[in-house]
Amino acid sequence: MKTTISIIGIIAAFCTTIAQLPQLVKVLKTHQTRDISLWMYIIINFGVVLWLIYGICIYDYPLMIANAVTFILTMIVLIMKIKLG
């Protein structure tokens, strides 16, 4: 049962992390951030950092890795949004 739960967690972490890639690729290709919500990316980054801290506190490696990668991806978009306006 624990293995099944771990697999579900890993798949969920993969999906939520990889979901950030299309937006990041689009921003990097087009240098357009006009239609992206600044507050959404501020809030999502804050939430991801909290999930990362939580994962560190409970020593959950899939949670730590997924949220560290997600933070990097969403932070790039946030920086581009701030830089490009």
Protein backbone atom coordinates (compact mmCIF):
# COMPACT_ATOMS: atom_id res chain seq x y z
CA MET A 1 0.00 0.00 0.00
CA LYS A 2 2.81 2.42 0.89
CA THR A 3 4.43 1.76 -2.50
CA THR A 4 1.17 2.62 -4.29
CA ILE A 5 0.86 5.84 -2.32
CA SER A 6 4.47 6.73 -3.15
CA ILE A 7 3.88 6.07 -6.84
CA ILE A 8 0.78 8.29 -6.77
CA GLY A 9 2.83 11.05 -5.09
CA ILE A 10 5.64 10.77 -7.61
CA ILE A 11 3.22 10.90 -10.56
CA ALA A 12 1.40 13.88 -9.03
CA ALA A 13 4.69 15.68 -8.42
CA PHE A 14 5.80 14.99 -11.97
CA CYS A 15 2.53 16.27 -13.45
CA THR A 16 2.44 19.50 -11.44
CA THR A 17 6.10 20.18 -12.18
CA ILE A 18 5.95 19.43 -15.89
CA ALA A 19 2.78 21.53 -16.19
CA GLN A 20 4.96 24.63 -15.77
CA LEU A 21 7.06 23.90 -18.85
CA PRO A 22 4.68 25.04 -21.62
CA GLN A 23 4.31 28.50 -20.07
CA LEU A 24 8.05 28.79 -19.50
CA VAL A 25 8.88 27.74 -23.06
CA LYS A 26 6.33 30.20 -24.47
CA VAL A 27 7.72 33.08 -22.40
CA LEU A 28 11.30 32.27 -23.34
CA LYS A 29 10.43 32.01 -27.05
CA THR A 30 8.16 35.04 -27.36
CA HIS A 31 9.42 37.31 -24.58
CA GLN A 32 5.75 38.15 -24.04
CA THR A 33 4.29 38.14 -20.52
CA ARG A 34 1.41 40.55 -20.98
CA ASP A 35 -1.26 37.86 -20.52
CA ILE A 36 0.37 36.29 -17.46
CA SER A 37 -0.90 37.25 -14.02
CA LEU A 38 1.87 38.67 -11.86
CA TRP A 39 -0.03 37.91 -8.65
CA MET A 40 -0.68 34.34 -9.70
CA TYR A 41 3.04 33.72 -10.11
CA ILE A 42 3.87 35.47 -6.84
CA ILE A 43 1.34 33.33 -4.99
CA ILE A 44 2.31 30.09 -6.74
CA ASN A 45 5.99 30.69 -5.94
CA PHE A 46 5.16 31.37 -2.30
CA GLY A 47 3.11 28.16 -2.14
CA VAL A 48 5.84 26.13 -3.84
CA VAL A 49 8.43 27.42 -1.36
CA LEU A 50 6.16 26.39 1.51
CA TRP A 51 5.70 22.92 -0.03
CA LEU A 52 9.48 22.67 -0.42
CA ILE A 53 10.02 23.59 3.23
CA TYR A 54 7.34 21.08 4.24
CA GLY A 55 8.99 18.37 2.12
CA ILE A 56 12.36 19.11 3.74
CA CYS A 57 10.82 18.97 7.23
CA ILE A 58 9.29 15.54 6.64
CA TYR A 59 12.21 14.24 4.51
CA ASP A 60 10.00 13.51 1.50
CA TYR A 61 12.37 13.44 -1.46
CA PRO A 62 9.75 13.42 -4.25
CA LEU A 63 8.11 16.45 -2.63
CA MET A 64 11.45 18.22 -2.21
CA ILE A 65 12.67 17.54 -5.74
CA ALA A 66 9.38 18.36 -7.44
CA ASN A 67 8.97 21.63 -5.59
CA ALA A 68 12.59 22.67 -6.03
CA VAL A 69 12.29 22.14 -9.80
CA THR A 70 8.85 23.78 -9.90
CA PHE A 71 10.21 26.76 -7.98
CA ILE A 72 13.00 27.23 -10.50
CA LEU A 73 10.61 27.00 -13.46
CA THR A 74 8.00 29.34 -12.00
CA MET A 75 10.64 31.76 -10.73
CA ILE A 76 12.04 32.14 -14.25
CA VAL A 77 8.56 33.05 -15.51
CA LEU A 78 8.07 35.45 -12.59
CA ILE A 79 11.41 37.14 -13.23
CA MET A 80 10.59 37.45 -16.93
CA LYS A 81 7.17 38.90 -16.03
CA ILE A 82 8.75 41.51 -13.77
CA LYS A 83 11.55 42.27 -16.25
CA LEU A 84 9.34 42.48 -19.35
CA GLY A 85 6.30 44.04 -17.68
